[in-house]
Amino acid sequence: MTSQPVPAYSDNDAVNDIHVLLTSPLGQDGALEAIAEILARTGRPMTAGRDIEVSTAETSLGWPVVRAVSAGTAVTIRQDPAGPGLRVEITTAPGQVDSDLAVTLDSRPLVPAW
């Protein structure tokens, strides 16, 4: 007797099961454990989500500035003062691990020039 491969448990299946669980009239007792079991069935590792805070402002010249901050990494997008283009600035907290940051441009990873 040959064992058949178990069909993958899709993200859509997981979302549907979580929805059913959370809207069930049976209550929420054990909901966190049940959700963890549902997510484990997808076969993908769970990772902690990071809060991302985004704000907009204007410079003294009235140009827009966008800033996104998450766990010590800040991304600022503004008008380049030397021309018509945009300037994107990324700063990281001291001691931040490089592997925690991935930067791409047009789907290509950017590599430091040094």
N, C-alpha and C. Protein backbone atom coordinates (compact mmCIF):
# COMPACT_ATOMS: atom_id res chain seq x y z
N MET A 1 0.84 -1.18 0.00
CA MET A 1 0.00 0.00 0.00
C MET A 1 0.89 1.24 0.00
N THR A 2 0.69 2.11 -0.96
CA THR A 2 1.48 3.32 -1.09
C THR A 2 0.71 4.48 -0.47
N SER A 3 1.43 5.29 0.32
CA SER A 3 0.76 6.43 0.93
C SER A 3 0.69 7.58 -0.07
N GLN A 4 -0.43 8.22 -0.10
CA GLN A 4 -0.65 9.35 -0.99
C GLN A 4 -0.16 10.62 -0.29
N PRO A 5 0.44 11.56 -1.06
CA PRO A 5 0.86 12.82 -0.43
C PRO A 5 -0.35 13.60 0.08
N VAL A 6 -0.15 14.22 1.22
CA VAL A 6 -1.22 15.03 1.80
C VAL A 6 -1.30 16.34 1.04
N PRO A 7 -2.50 16.71 0.57
CA PRO A 7 -2.60 17.98 -0.16
C PRO A 7 -2.24 19.15 0.75
N ALA A 8 -1.63 20.15 0.14
CA ALA A 8 -1.21 21.33 0.90
C ALA A 8 -2.43 22.05 1.48
N TYR A 9 -2.25 22.55 2.67
CA TYR A 9 -3.27 23.35 3.33
C TYR A 9 -2.98 24.79 2.94
N SER A 10 -3.80 25.38 2.12
CA SER A 10 -3.51 26.70 1.55
C SER A 10 -3.76 27.83 2.55
N ASP A 11 -3.20 28.99 2.21
CA ASP A 11 -3.45 30.19 3.01
C ASP A 11 -4.94 30.51 3.04
N ASN A 12 -5.60 30.32 1.89
CA ASN A 12 -7.03 30.59 1.81
C ASN A 12 -7.81 29.67 2.75
N ASP A 13 -7.43 28.39 2.78
CA ASP A 13 -8.08 27.45 3.71
C ASP A 13 -7.88 27.91 5.15
N ALA A 14 -6.65 28.34 5.46
CA ALA A 14 -6.35 28.79 6.83
C ALA A 14 -7.19 30.00 7.21
N VAL A 15 -7.27 30.97 6.30
CA VAL A 15 -8.07 32.18 6.58
C VAL A 15 -9.53 31.81 6.77
N ASN A 16 -10.05 30.92 5.94
CA ASN A 16 -11.45 30.50 6.08
C ASN A 16 -11.68 29.82 7.43
N ASP A 17 -10.76 28.92 7.83
CA ASP A 17 -10.93 28.23 9.11
C ASP A 17 -10.83 29.19 10.29
N ILE A 18 -9.92 30.17 10.20
CA ILE A 18 -9.80 31.16 11.28
C ILE A 18 -11.06 32.00 11.35
N HIS A 19 -11.61 32.37 10.20
CA HIS A 19 -12.86 33.15 10.18
C HIS A 19 -13.98 32.36 10.85
N VAL A 20 -14.10 31.09 10.50
CA VAL A 20 -15.14 30.25 11.11
C VAL A 20 -14.94 30.18 12.61
N LEU A 21 -13.70 30.00 13.03
CA LEU A 21 -13.40 29.91 14.46
C LEU A 21 -13.79 31.19 15.20
N LEU A 22 -13.41 32.33 14.65
CA LEU A 22 -13.65 33.60 15.34
C LEU A 22 -15.11 34.03 15.32
N THR A 23 -15.87 33.56 14.34
CA THR A 23 -17.28 33.94 14.26
C THR A 23 -18.21 32.86 14.81
N SER A 24 -17.62 31.82 15.37
CA SER A 24 -18.41 30.72 15.91
C SER A 24 -19.16 31.16 17.17
N PRO A 25 -20.42 30.74 17.32
CA PRO A 25 -21.17 31.08 18.53
C PRO A 25 -20.69 30.27 19.75
N LEU A 26 -19.75 29.37 19.55
CA LEU A 26 -19.28 28.52 20.65
C LEU A 26 -18.32 29.24 21.60
N GLY A 27 -17.91 30.45 21.26
CA GLY A 27 -17.05 31.20 22.15
C GLY A 27 -15.61 31.22 21.68
N GLN A 28 -14.80 31.95 22.43
CA GLN A 28 -13.42 32.17 22.04
C GLN A 28 -12.42 31.40 22.91
N ASP A 29 -12.89 30.52 23.79
CA ASP A 29 -11.98 29.76 24.63
C ASP A 29 -11.05 28.92 23.77
N GLY A 30 -9.76 29.06 23.99
CA GLY A 30 -8.78 28.29 23.24
C GLY A 30 -8.56 28.77 21.82
N ALA A 31 -9.04 29.96 21.49
CA ALA A 31 -8.94 30.46 20.11
C ALA A 31 -7.48 30.64 19.68
N LEU A 32 -6.63 31.15 20.57
CA LEU A 32 -5.24 31.36 20.17
C LEU A 32 -4.55 30.05 19.83
N GLU A 33 -4.78 29.04 20.64
CA GLU A 33 -4.18 27.74 20.37
C GLU A 33 -4.70 27.16 19.07
N ALA A 34 -6.00 27.31 18.84
CA ALA A 34 -6.60 26.78 17.61
C ALA A 34 -6.06 27.51 16.38
N ILE A 35 -5.88 28.82 16.49
CA ILE A 35 -5.33 29.59 15.37
C ILE A 35 -3.89 29.16 15.10
N ALA A 36 -3.11 28.95 16.14
CA ALA A 36 -1.73 28.48 15.97
C ALA A 36 -1.70 27.13 15.26
N GLU A 37 -2.62 26.24 15.63
CA GLU A 37 -2.69 24.93 14.97
C GLU A 37 -3.06 25.07 13.49
N ILE A 38 -4.00 25.97 13.20
CA ILE A 38 -4.42 26.21 11.82
C ILE A 38 -3.23 26.74 11.01
N LEU A 39 -2.52 27.71 11.56
CA LEU A 39 -1.37 28.28 10.85
C LEU A 39 -0.27 27.25 10.66
N ALA A 40 -0.06 26.38 11.63
CA ALA A 40 0.97 25.35 11.52
C ALA A 40 0.66 24.39 10.37
N ARG A 41 -0.62 24.16 10.09
CA ARG A 41 -1.01 23.26 9.00
C ARG A 41 -0.63 23.79 7.62
N THR A 42 -0.38 25.09 7.49
CA THR A 42 0.03 25.64 6.20
C THR A 42 1.46 25.23 5.88
N GLY A 43 2.22 24.80 6.89
CA GLY A 43 3.59 24.36 6.67
C GLY A 43 4.59 25.48 6.56
N ARG A 44 4.17 26.69 6.81
CA ARG A 44 5.11 27.82 6.75
C ARG A 44 5.46 28.26 8.16
N PRO A 45 6.70 28.70 8.36
CA PRO A 45 7.08 29.13 9.70
C PRO A 45 6.36 30.42 10.08
N MET A 46 6.03 30.54 11.34
CA MET A 46 5.41 31.76 11.83
C MET A 46 6.53 32.74 12.20
N THR A 47 6.39 33.97 11.81
CA THR A 47 7.35 34.99 12.19
C THR A 47 6.59 36.12 12.85
N ALA A 48 7.28 36.79 13.72
CA ALA A 48 6.66 37.91 14.41
C ALA A 48 6.49 39.08 13.45
N GLY A 49 5.34 39.68 13.46
CA GLY A 49 5.11 40.87 12.65
C GLY A 49 5.75 42.08 13.29
N ARG A 50 6.14 43.03 12.48
CA ARG A 50 6.75 44.25 13.00
C ARG A 50 5.81 45.42 12.76
N ASP A 51 5.65 46.24 13.77
CA ASP A 51 4.86 47.45 13.60
C ASP A 51 5.60 48.40 12.67
N ILE A 52 4.87 49.05 11.80
CA ILE A 52 5.44 50.05 10.90
C ILE A 52 4.62 51.33 11.08
N GLU A 53 5.30 52.38 11.47
CA GLU A 53 4.65 53.67 11.68
C GLU A 53 5.00 54.58 10.50
N VAL A 54 3.99 55.13 9.84
CA VAL A 54 4.21 55.98 8.67
C VAL A 54 3.62 57.36 8.95
N SER A 55 4.40 58.38 8.59
CA SER A 55 3.90 59.75 8.78
C SER A 55 4.28 60.60 7.56
N THR A 56 3.53 61.66 7.36
CA THR A 56 3.83 62.61 6.31
C THR A 56 3.94 63.99 6.92
N ALA A 57 4.75 64.82 6.29
CA ALA A 57 4.94 66.19 6.76
C ALA A 57 5.33 67.04 5.56
N GLU A 58 5.52 68.31 5.79
CA GLU A 58 6.01 69.20 4.74
C GLU A 58 7.25 69.90 5.24
N THR A 59 8.21 70.13 4.32
CA THR A 59 9.39 70.90 4.68
C THR A 59 9.00 72.37 4.78
N SER A 60 9.96 73.20 5.18
CA SER A 60 9.67 74.63 5.28
C SER A 60 9.38 75.24 3.90
N LEU A 61 9.79 74.53 2.84
CA LEU A 61 9.49 74.99 1.48
C LEU A 61 8.16 74.45 0.96
N GLY A 62 7.49 73.63 1.77
CA GLY A 62 6.20 73.08 1.38
C GLY A 62 6.28 71.77 0.62
N TRP A 63 7.46 71.17 0.55
CA TRP A 63 7.61 69.89 -0.13
C TRP A 63 7.23 68.76 0.79
N PRO A 64 6.56 67.74 0.25
CA PRO A 64 6.15 66.62 1.10
C PRO A 64 7.33 65.73 1.49
N VAL A 65 7.24 65.19 2.69
CA VAL A 65 8.23 64.24 3.21
C VAL A 65 7.46 63.08 3.82
N VAL A 66 7.84 61.85 3.45
CA VAL A 66 7.22 60.65 4.00
C VAL A 66 8.27 59.94 4.83
N ARG A 67 7.88 59.46 6.00
CA ARG A 67 8.81 58.75 6.87
C ARG A 67 8.13 57.49 7.38
N ALA A 68 8.83 56.36 7.23
CA ALA A 68 8.35 55.08 7.75
C ALA A 68 9.40 54.57 8.73
N VAL A 69 8.95 54.17 9.92
CA VAL A 69 9.86 53.71 10.97
C VAL A 69 9.39 52.36 11.48
N SER A 70 10.35 51.42 11.61
CA SER A 70 10.03 50.11 12.14
C SER A 70 11.27 49.54 12.83
N ALA A 71 11.16 49.27 14.11
CA ALA A 71 12.20 48.59 14.88
C ALA A 71 13.60 49.12 14.59
N GLY A 72 13.78 50.40 14.66
CA GLY A 72 15.10 50.97 14.51
C GLY A 72 15.51 51.30 13.09
N THR A 73 14.70 50.97 12.11
CA THR A 73 14.98 51.31 10.72
C THR A 73 14.03 52.43 10.31
N ALA A 74 14.59 53.47 9.70
CA ALA A 74 13.77 54.59 9.23
C ALA A 74 14.02 54.80 7.74
N VAL A 75 12.94 54.98 6.99
CA VAL A 75 13.01 55.28 5.56
C VAL A 75 12.35 56.63 5.36
N THR A 76 13.10 57.56 4.74
CA THR A 76 12.57 58.89 4.47
C THR A 76 12.59 59.11 2.96
N ILE A 77 11.47 59.59 2.43
CA ILE A 77 11.37 59.90 1.01
C ILE A 77 11.02 61.38 0.90
N ARG A 78 11.82 62.08 0.12
CA ARG A 78 11.62 63.52 -0.03
C ARG A 78 12.08 63.98 -1.40
N GLN A 79 11.74 65.20 -1.75
CA GLN A 79 12.24 65.83 -2.96
C GLN A 79 13.75 66.00 -2.80
N ASP A 80 14.51 65.67 -3.86
CA ASP A 80 15.95 65.90 -3.82
C ASP A 80 16.18 67.40 -3.94
N PRO A 81 16.83 68.03 -2.96
CA PRO A 81 17.00 69.48 -3.03
C PRO A 81 17.88 69.93 -4.20
N ALA A 82 18.65 69.00 -4.79
CA ALA A 82 19.54 69.37 -5.88
C ALA A 82 18.89 69.20 -7.26
N GLY A 83 17.66 68.74 -7.31
CA GLY A 83 17.04 68.54 -8.63
C GLY A 83 15.62 68.06 -8.52
N PRO A 84 15.05 67.61 -9.66
CA PRO A 84 13.64 67.24 -9.69
C PRO A 84 13.35 65.82 -9.20
N GLY A 85 14.37 65.05 -8.88
CA GLY A 85 14.17 63.66 -8.48
C GLY A 85 13.79 63.49 -7.03
N LEU A 86 13.67 62.24 -6.64
CA LEU A 86 13.38 61.90 -5.25
C LEU A 86 14.65 61.44 -4.55
N ARG A 87 14.72 61.66 -3.26
CA ARG A 87 15.81 61.15 -2.44
C ARG A 87 15.19 60.18 -1.43
N VAL A 88 15.73 58.97 -1.40
CA VAL A 88 15.28 57.95 -0.45
C VAL A 88 16.44 57.70 0.50
N GLU A 89 16.21 57.93 1.77
CA GLU A 89 17.26 57.77 2.78
C GLU A 89 16.84 56.66 3.74
N ILE A 90 17.75 55.71 3.99
CA ILE A 90 17.49 54.62 4.92
C ILE A 90 18.53 54.68 6.01
N THR A 91 18.07 54.72 7.25
CA THR A 91 18.98 54.69 8.40
C THR A 91 18.59 53.54 9.31
N THR A 92 19.59 52.96 9.94
CA THR A 92 19.34 51.85 10.86
C THR A 92 19.91 52.18 12.22
N ALA A 93 19.39 51.52 13.22
CA ALA A 93 19.86 51.72 14.58
C ALA A 93 21.24 51.09 14.74
N PRO A 94 22.07 51.64 15.61
CA PRO A 94 23.38 51.02 15.86
C PRO A 94 23.22 49.57 16.30
N GLY A 95 24.02 48.70 15.73
CA GLY A 95 23.99 47.30 16.12
C GLY A 95 22.92 46.47 15.42
N GLN A 96 22.15 47.08 14.53
CA GLN A 96 21.11 46.31 13.83
C GLN A 96 21.79 45.31 12.89
N VAL A 97 21.25 44.12 12.84
CA VAL A 97 21.79 43.06 12.00
C VAL A 97 21.41 43.32 10.54
N ASP A 98 22.40 43.28 9.65
CA ASP A 98 22.14 43.53 8.23
C ASP A 98 21.09 42.59 7.65
N SER A 99 21.03 41.37 8.16
CA SER A 99 20.08 40.41 7.60
C SER A 99 18.63 40.77 7.92
N ASP A 100 18.42 41.76 8.79
CA ASP A 100 17.07 42.20 9.11
C ASP A 100 16.52 43.19 8.08
N LEU A 101 17.35 43.55 7.09
CA LEU A 101 16.95 44.59 6.15
C LEU A 101 17.21 44.11 4.72
N ALA A 102 16.19 44.18 3.89
CA ALA A 102 16.32 43.87 2.46
C ALA A 102 15.84 45.07 1.68
N VAL A 103 16.67 45.58 0.76
CA VAL A 103 16.32 46.75 -0.04
C VAL A 103 16.36 46.33 -1.50
N THR A 104 15.28 46.61 -2.21
CA THR A 104 15.22 46.30 -3.64
C THR A 104 14.85 47.54 -4.43
N LEU A 105 15.27 47.57 -5.68
CA LEU A 105 14.90 48.62 -6.62
C LEU A 105 14.48 47.92 -7.90
N ASP A 106 13.24 48.12 -8.31
CA ASP A 106 12.71 47.43 -9.50
C ASP A 106 12.91 45.93 -9.40
N SER A 107 12.61 45.37 -8.24
CA SER A 107 12.71 43.93 -7.96
C SER A 107 14.14 43.39 -7.94
N ARG A 108 15.13 44.27 -8.00
CA ARG A 108 16.53 43.82 -7.91
C ARG A 108 17.09 44.23 -6.56
N PRO A 109 17.77 43.29 -5.87
CA PRO A 109 18.37 43.66 -4.59
C PRO A 109 19.47 44.69 -4.79
N LEU A 110 19.52 45.68 -3.92
CA LEU A 110 20.59 46.67 -3.95
C LEU A 110 21.73 46.17 -3.09
N VAL A 111 22.94 46.37 -3.57
CA VAL A 111 24.13 45.92 -2.85
C VAL A 111 24.95 47.17 -2.54
N PRO A 112 25.47 47.28 -1.31
CA PRO A 112 26.30 48.46 -1.02
C PRO A 112 27.48 48.57 -2.00
N ALA A 113 27.84 49.79 -2.35
CA ALA A 113 28.92 50.02 -3.32
C ALA A 113 30.30 49.85 -2.69
N TRP A 114 30.40 49.80 -1.39
CA TRP A 114 31.73 49.70 -0.77
C TRP A 114 32.16 48.29 -0.58
